[in-house]
Amino acid sequence: MSAQANDGKALEIAVEGARFARIPIRTRVVLPGDDLDAFILEYARPELQTDDLLFVTEKIVAITQGRSFLVEEITPRPLARFLSRYVVKTSYGIGLGTPETMEMALRECGTPRILFAAAVSAVGKLVGRRGDFYRIAGDKARSIDGPTRHTIPPYNKAVVLGPKEPAKVAAHLKQLLGGENDVAVVDINDIGGNILGSTLDGAGERRLVEILSDNPLGQGHQSTPLGIIRRATSSDGN
């Protein structure tokens, strides 16, 4: 595999005085029923070197866990239709801004939690504070992906929930790969990101967020749901 960045993205980034390459791994489209272990062994293992870190998008983990649902299969309740009207749409995705994604948030997080998050968010906006909704609703709500025209089919017509037990998934994948490479399950987009689970310590996770801050896997049709973090070397080998 040649180390090549996705279109519009830089291959390397400087963080904490060091340079890191973020190498996308191009794959086929992951489908419900696919086995994550087999997928990782097929696409990631041949590309990994000693001390590399493998990062995996939360979406493919969730899909292989059976957590993707066609929009036509979801029947939103009236409350979901009402709440979704007040969600701010962003340039990178619709979040909970459709009745279907809001319905899945109500199911995942529970109606009381979503209502409390919505109430606190409404008060926060009155005083110019943002981010309260997802701070209270949590990663389960934040990780829900809705359908967009930029998404690879069939997920342009599907809602994908966040993965179950991402820290355990990361630990399992590390062992699957021989225990030499750290693994992180990440939720990264063009306006920020989160590490949902990893084999890193807290400082390592914070550094990884910085390394991935410009979303090197990109949005849309790149078909690169996996990536490798590799410390970059200069021409003199340092």
Foldseek 3Di string as FASTA:
>chain_A
DDQDFDPPDDQWDDDPNFIKGKRFWFDDDQAAPDDPLVVCVVTPLVPDDFAKAKEFEQQNQQSPVVQKFFLVVADADPVLQVLLCPDDQDPQASQSNHSRLSRVLCVQQNPVQQVVQSVVQVVCVVVPHDDSNCVRSDPQSVQKGQADPQADPPRNRMIGTGHPPQQVVQVVSCVSSPVRHKYWHWHDAQQFIATPHIPDDPVVRVRVRVRCVRPRCYTGDSNGRMIMMDGDADPVGD
